Amino acid sequence: MRDRRSPGGAVWRSGRVSLRLSSRACCASVAALAATLAAAVPSAHAQWIDHQLTPQVTCATPLPENQFGAVLGYTNKSVNPIDAPIGPSNAFTPGTGDRGQPTTFLPGAHPYAFRVAFQRSALVRSISWTLGPEPGMTNTVSVGPALGLPQCGMDWAGDWRAPGDNETRYWLHDVVEHDGVTWIATDFPGSQEPGVGDAWRPLGVGTTGPAGERGPAGERGPAGERGPAGPQGEPGRSGASSEVSTFASKRSRSFGRMGRVRVRDPNVRASSTIIVQYVGEPGRRPTAVSRVRKGSFVAVGSPKRRFRYVVFN
């Protein structure tokens, strides 16, 4: 049977159909399909633009009851405060846009501006904070357990006060002042008061023990000769031991090219609290500690900067 040719170049045969497209029609179809796909699939990562007001995630930590928390901050490069009310230029997603973030942003860098915590679920694995001086001039940072954020360490939280219903509770390694004593959270205390329960421990050295009794004086010898020494008194009782043992590094160390270095120290335990401080000029990023295990830990900071550390057990 004879073939029937369509105007577009397709050849139709009896019993089966075969399609032959001209090279020009083929190229036009592929180009149209590629343009359609490019318009339908958005970019995976928005470009970071260095505006006057930018957000940052300083550190993060897992919390009880399947929650996740983080410390966030910002940098204002102008010489004046910037007001950004809750809205398109200052909001969290998903869920409520207001999670206690500031609305007035002072000049300079403020890495510990506020804390945020959220409930993880199968649908909500992270939250994001969008911030900028005005709508259309914003950047976005995200908080979640799978984002490789620095682990939060010891943090000074000021005078202890009972958190309100809508306030973030105290976290592990928070340090507070209460009733004239400095306390550190060795567990997640929530709203528990220091001195009540086992979540807080006093941070400091123990008091000096009482002095021993003085022994009796020896008998005076005859004139001209030195008399024998008197008997030694009984030793006094030992003083009370410190609640927390402190071990300071004997020498300074340097962060590696990637800003990380493993420190080996026999005083380190898996439950140790470790503070890392820069030596001399501060680094461009806050210090952090991770992978604490018996005999070692990993210090994180600015590459090539020198630092010292203190171990609390």
Protein backbone atom coordinates (compact mmCIF):
# COMPACT_ATOMS: atom_id res chain seq x y z
CA MET A 1 0.00 0.00 0.00
CA ARG A 2 1.26 3.53 -0.81
CA ASP A 3 2.52 5.80 1.94
CA ARG A 4 0.66 8.97 2.88
CA ARG A 5 2.90 11.91 3.79
CA SER A 6 1.66 14.62 6.10
CA PRO A 7 2.68 18.31 5.68
CA GLY A 8 4.93 18.12 8.79
CA GLY A 9 7.03 15.29 7.31
CA ALA A 10 5.39 12.32 9.11
CA VAL A 11 4.98 9.09 7.12
CA TRP A 12 1.88 6.96 7.91
CA ARG A 13 1.72 3.29 6.82
CA SER A 14 -1.11 0.80 6.95
CA GLY A 15 -0.97 -1.57 10.00
CA ARG A 16 1.59 0.51 11.97
CA VAL A 17 2.56 4.12 12.39
CA SER A 18 6.09 5.48 12.09
CA LEU A 19 6.89 9.13 12.80
CA ARG A 20 9.71 10.98 11.07
CA LEU A 21 10.30 14.60 12.05
CA SER A 22 12.39 16.93 10.01
CA SER A 23 15.57 18.18 11.77
CA ARG A 24 14.21 21.72 11.98
CA ALA A 25 10.94 20.63 13.64
CA CYS A 26 12.84 18.36 16.08
CA CYS A 27 15.16 21.15 17.27
CA ALA A 28 12.24 23.54 17.74
CA SER A 29 10.33 20.99 19.86
CA VAL A 30 13.34 20.26 22.13
CA ALA A 31 14.01 23.96 22.67
CA ALA A 32 10.37 24.60 23.61
CA LEU A 33 10.43 21.68 26.08
CA ALA A 34 13.66 22.88 27.71
CA ALA A 35 12.27 26.39 28.14
CA THR A 36 9.13 25.00 29.76
CA LEU A 37 11.12 22.89 32.26
CA ALA A 38 13.45 25.77 33.12
CA ALA A 39 10.48 27.99 33.94
CA ALA A 40 8.81 25.26 36.06
CA VAL A 41 11.83 24.30 38.26
CA PRO A 42 13.06 27.09 40.61
CA SER A 43 16.69 27.52 41.71
CA ALA A 44 17.63 25.29 44.67
CA HIS A 45 19.58 28.06 46.50
CA ALA A 46 18.78 31.77 46.55
CA GLN A 47 21.79 34.03 45.96
CA TRP A 48 23.19 35.69 49.11
CA ILE A 49 23.32 39.47 48.70
CA ASP A 50 25.48 41.57 51.04
CA HIS A 51 22.83 44.07 52.22
CA GLN A 52 23.26 46.52 55.10
CA LEU A 53 21.24 44.20 57.38
CA THR A 54 21.90 40.43 57.23
CA PRO A 55 20.89 37.49 59.50
CA GLN A 56 23.10 34.69 60.85
CA VAL A 57 22.82 31.38 62.75
CA THR A 58 25.46 31.41 65.50
CA CYS A 59 24.96 27.88 66.89
CA ALA A 60 22.31 25.19 67.33
CA THR A 61 21.43 22.38 69.76
CA PRO A 62 18.90 19.53 70.01
CA LEU A 63 16.31 19.94 72.76
CA PRO A 64 14.08 17.47 74.66
CA GLU A 65 10.70 16.30 73.34
CA ASN A 66 11.90 16.30 69.70
CA GLN A 67 12.53 20.05 69.62
CA PHE A 68 15.48 21.88 68.08
CA GLY A 69 16.92 25.23 69.11
CA ALA A 70 19.40 27.80 67.84
CA VAL A 71 21.02 31.12 68.74
CA LEU A 72 20.61 33.71 65.98
CA GLY A 73 22.07 37.13 65.37
CA TYR A 74 22.51 39.84 62.78
CA THR A 75 24.93 42.41 61.35
CA ASN A 76 23.94 46.03 60.68
CA LYS A 77 26.63 47.70 58.54
CA SER A 78 25.08 51.15 58.75
CA VAL A 79 25.82 53.71 61.47
CA ASN A 80 22.16 54.02 62.47
CA PRO A 81 19.61 51.53 63.85
CA ILE A 82 17.36 49.87 61.27
CA ASP A 83 13.69 49.18 62.01
CA ALA A 84 12.26 46.04 60.36
CA PRO A 85 8.77 45.22 61.68
CA ILE A 86 7.42 41.68 61.53
CA GLY A 87 6.47 41.12 57.91
CA PRO A 88 8.06 40.41 54.50
CA SER A 89 11.46 41.80 55.58
CA ASN A 90 11.54 40.12 59.05
CA ALA A 91 9.72 36.81 59.43
CA PHE A 92 10.10 33.09 60.12
CA THR A 93 8.68 30.30 57.95
CA PRO A 94 6.90 27.93 58.13
CA GLY A 95 4.33 28.65 60.84
CA THR A 96 4.23 31.86 62.86
CA GLY A 97 6.38 34.66 61.47
CA ASP A 98 7.03 36.18 64.91
CA ARG A 99 9.30 33.96 67.06
CA GLY A 100 10.65 36.66 69.38
CA GLN A 101 13.16 38.18 66.94
CA PRO A 102 14.10 41.87 67.27
CA THR A 103 12.41 44.55 65.21
CA THR A 104 15.03 47.25 65.87
CA PHE A 105 18.56 46.30 64.76
CA LEU A 106 21.47 48.24 66.27
CA PRO A 107 24.66 49.05 64.31
CA GLY A 108 27.45 46.45 64.34
CA ALA A 109 27.60 42.66 64.71
CA HIS A 110 25.28 40.99 67.26
CA PRO A 111 25.74 37.18 66.98
CA TYR A 112 23.79 36.39 70.20
CA ALA A 113 20.69 38.52 69.61
CA PHE A 114 18.00 35.96 70.51
CA ARG A 115 17.08 32.26 70.74
CA VAL A 116 14.50 30.26 68.85
CA ALA A 117 13.12 26.73 69.25
CA PHE A 118 10.67 24.73 67.16
CA GLN A 119 8.89 21.36 67.29
CA ARG A 120 10.25 18.91 64.71
CA SER A 121 7.86 16.67 62.79
CA ALA A 122 7.66 14.69 59.55
CA LEU A 123 6.47 17.87 57.80
CA VAL A 124 8.63 20.44 59.60
CA ARG A 125 12.32 19.51 59.63
CA SER A 126 13.70 23.08 59.68
CA ILE A 127 12.64 26.71 59.92
CA SER A 128 14.01 29.77 58.09
CA TRP A 129 14.46 33.44 59.05
CA THR A 130 14.21 36.07 56.31
CA LEU A 131 15.69 39.49 57.19
CA GLY A 132 16.61 42.66 55.36
CA PRO A 133 16.37 46.46 55.53
CA GLU A 134 13.21 46.39 53.38
CA PRO A 135 11.14 43.94 51.30
CA GLY A 136 12.99 42.77 48.22
CA MET A 137 16.40 43.32 49.92
CA THR A 138 16.49 40.28 52.22
CA ASN A 139 18.57 37.20 52.94
CA THR A 140 17.43 33.92 54.50
CA VAL A 141 19.13 31.53 56.97
CA SER A 142 17.79 28.15 58.08
CA VAL A 143 17.82 26.17 61.35
CA GLY A 144 17.60 22.37 61.41
CA PRO A 145 19.42 19.25 62.65
CA ALA A 146 20.64 18.22 59.17
CA LEU A 147 22.32 21.53 58.27
CA GLY A 148 25.73 20.98 59.97
CA LEU A 149 25.44 24.02 62.28
CA PRO A 150 28.00 24.61 65.13
CA GLN A 151 26.98 23.10 68.47
CA CYS A 152 26.07 25.62 71.18
CA GLY A 153 28.37 25.56 74.23
CA MET A 154 28.45 27.40 77.57
CA ASP A 155 26.34 30.58 77.42
CA TRP A 156 25.99 33.31 80.08
CA ALA A 157 22.26 33.87 80.62
CA GLY A 158 22.45 36.51 83.43
CA ASP A 159 20.29 36.42 86.56
CA TRP A 160 17.95 33.41 86.70
CA ARG A 161 14.24 34.12 86.40
CA ALA A 162 11.28 31.83 85.90
CA PRO A 163 10.45 31.75 82.14
CA GLY A 164 6.96 32.82 81.09
CA ASP A 165 4.57 30.67 79.08
CA ASN A 166 5.77 32.00 75.70
CA GLU A 167 9.48 32.24 76.55
CA THR A 168 12.22 29.78 75.63
CA ARG A 169 13.25 27.67 78.65
CA TYR A 170 16.87 27.38 79.79
CA TRP A 171 19.15 25.02 77.82
CA LEU A 172 22.03 22.67 78.58
CA HIS A 173 25.28 24.51 79.56
CA ASP A 174 23.48 27.79 80.37
CA VAL A 175 25.21 29.73 83.19
CA VAL A 176 23.10 31.90 85.55
CA GLU A 177 23.41 33.83 88.82
CA HIS A 178 20.92 32.95 91.58
CA ASP A 179 20.95 33.69 95.34
CA GLY A 180 24.58 34.85 95.16
CA VAL A 181 25.79 31.61 93.52
CA THR A 182 26.83 30.96 89.91
CA TRP A 183 25.15 27.86 88.45
CA ILE A 184 25.67 25.81 85.28
CA ALA A 185 23.00 23.61 83.68
CA THR A 186 24.34 20.05 83.43
CA ASP A 187 20.98 18.82 82.10
CA PHE A 188 18.04 20.51 80.35
CA PRO A 189 16.51 22.48 83.27
CA GLY A 190 13.50 23.94 81.48
CA SER A 191 11.97 26.25 84.11
CA GLN A 192 13.53 24.43 87.12
CA GLU A 193 15.01 26.78 89.73
CA PRO A 194 18.74 26.41 90.56
CA GLY A 195 19.20 24.53 93.82
CA VAL A 196 15.96 22.57 93.28
CA GLY A 197 16.55 19.23 91.58
CA ASP A 198 19.68 17.99 89.82
CA ALA A 199 19.66 20.01 86.55
CA TRP A 200 21.85 22.85 87.96
CA ARG A 201 25.26 22.57 89.65
CA PRO A 202 27.23 25.31 91.45
CA LEU A 203 30.10 26.60 89.33
CA GLY A 204 33.17 27.56 91.41
CA VAL A 205 35.74 26.32 93.92
CA GLY A 206 35.07 24.81 97.34
CA THR A 207 35.62 26.70 100.61
CA THR A 208 38.82 26.36 102.65
CA GLY A 209 38.66 23.77 105.42
CA PRO A 210 39.22 24.70 109.10
CA ALA A 211 42.81 25.00 110.36
CA GLY A 212 44.24 22.20 112.50
CA GLU A 213 44.81 22.61 116.25
CA ARG A 214 48.15 24.01 117.33
CA GLY A 215 50.40 21.50 119.07
CA PRO A 216 51.81 22.14 122.56
CA ALA A 217 55.08 24.08 122.81
CA GLY A 218 58.25 22.14 123.59
CA GLU A 219 60.15 22.44 126.86
CA ARG A 220 62.76 25.12 127.01
CA GLY A 221 66.32 23.72 127.19
CA PRO A 222 69.03 24.73 129.64
CA ALA A 223 70.72 28.03 129.06
CA GLY A 224 73.45 27.88 126.47
CA GLU A 225 72.08 24.77 124.78
CA ARG A 226 69.30 24.54 122.27
CA GLY A 227 66.33 22.74 123.68
CA PRO A 228 64.55 19.90 121.84
CA ALA A 229 61.70 20.73 119.53
CA GLY A 230 58.23 20.34 120.94
CA PRO A 231 55.95 17.57 119.72
CA GLN A 232 54.07 18.21 116.50
CA GLY A 233 50.37 18.83 116.78
CA GLU A 234 47.77 16.60 115.18
CA PRO A 235 46.90 17.52 111.56
CA GLY A 236 43.65 19.39 110.94
CA ARG A 237 40.73 18.02 108.94
CA SER A 238 40.77 18.33 105.15
CA GLY A 239 38.73 21.10 103.57
CA ALA A 240 35.61 20.40 101.53
CA SER A 241 36.30 19.48 97.92
CA SER A 242 35.19 21.67 94.99
CA GLU A 243 31.90 20.94 93.28
CA VAL A 244 33.57 21.35 89.85
CA SER A 245 37.15 20.47 88.82
CA THR A 246 38.79 22.94 86.43
CA PHE A 247 41.68 22.19 84.02
CA ALA A 248 43.15 25.03 81.92
CA SER A 249 45.28 24.39 78.83
CA LYS A 250 49.01 24.74 79.52
CA ARG A 251 49.75 26.26 76.12
CA SER A 252 47.89 27.93 73.27
CA ARG A 253 46.93 26.07 70.12
CA SER A 254 45.94 27.06 66.57
CA PHE A 255 42.87 26.27 64.48
CA GLY A 256 43.58 24.47 61.20
CA ARG A 257 43.09 25.80 57.68
CA MET A 258 39.42 24.80 57.80
CA GLY A 259 38.91 26.33 61.25
CA ARG A 260 38.82 22.96 63.08
CA VAL A 261 41.35 21.05 65.16
CA ARG A 262 41.12 17.96 67.41
CA VAL A 263 42.58 18.60 70.87
CA ARG A 264 43.78 15.65 72.95
CA ASP A 265 43.72 16.15 76.72
CA PRO A 266 43.55 13.36 79.34
CA ASN A 267 41.36 15.63 81.54
CA VAL A 268 38.51 15.59 78.98
CA ARG A 269 35.52 13.33 79.62
CA ALA A 270 32.45 12.68 77.51
CA SER A 271 30.43 14.78 80.02
CA SER A 272 32.97 17.67 80.22
CA THR A 273 32.03 21.29 79.58
CA ILE A 274 34.72 23.10 77.57
CA ILE A 275 35.20 26.84 76.95
CA VAL A 276 37.40 27.94 74.01
CA GLN A 277 38.77 31.54 73.93
CA TYR A 278 40.84 33.30 71.25
CA VAL A 279 44.35 34.48 72.25
CA GLY A 280 44.88 38.13 71.30
CA GLU A 281 42.63 39.52 68.57
CA PRO A 282 39.20 37.81 68.40
CA GLY A 283 38.32 35.70 65.36
CA ARG A 284 35.67 36.48 62.75
CA ARG A 285 33.47 33.57 63.83
CA PRO A 286 32.41 32.49 67.34
CA THR A 287 34.24 29.54 68.88
CA ALA A 288 32.45 26.24 69.36
CA VAL A 289 33.14 22.71 70.63
CA SER A 290 31.97 19.40 69.17
CA ARG A 291 32.65 15.66 69.33
CA VAL A 292 33.56 15.64 73.02
CA ARG A 293 34.74 12.19 74.07
CA LYS A 294 37.12 10.70 76.61
CA GLY A 295 40.54 12.26 76.09
CA SER A 296 39.73 14.61 73.18
CA PHE A 297 37.38 17.15 71.59
CA VAL A 298 37.12 19.18 68.36
CA ALA A 299 37.51 22.99 68.60
CA VAL A 300 35.91 25.17 65.90
CA GLY A 301 36.83 28.79 65.13
CA SER A 302 38.56 31.13 62.67
CA PRO A 303 41.32 29.43 60.60
CA LYS A 304 44.90 29.87 61.84
CA ARG A 305 43.84 31.85 64.98
CA ARG A 306 45.41 30.82 68.31
CA PHE A 307 43.26 29.85 71.27
CA ARG A 308 43.25 28.43 74.82
CA TYR A 309 40.59 26.34 76.53
CA VAL A 310 39.30 25.36 80.00
CA VAL A 311 37.82 21.95 80.89
CA PHE A 312 35.12 21.71 83.59
CA ASN A 313 34.35 18.26 85.11
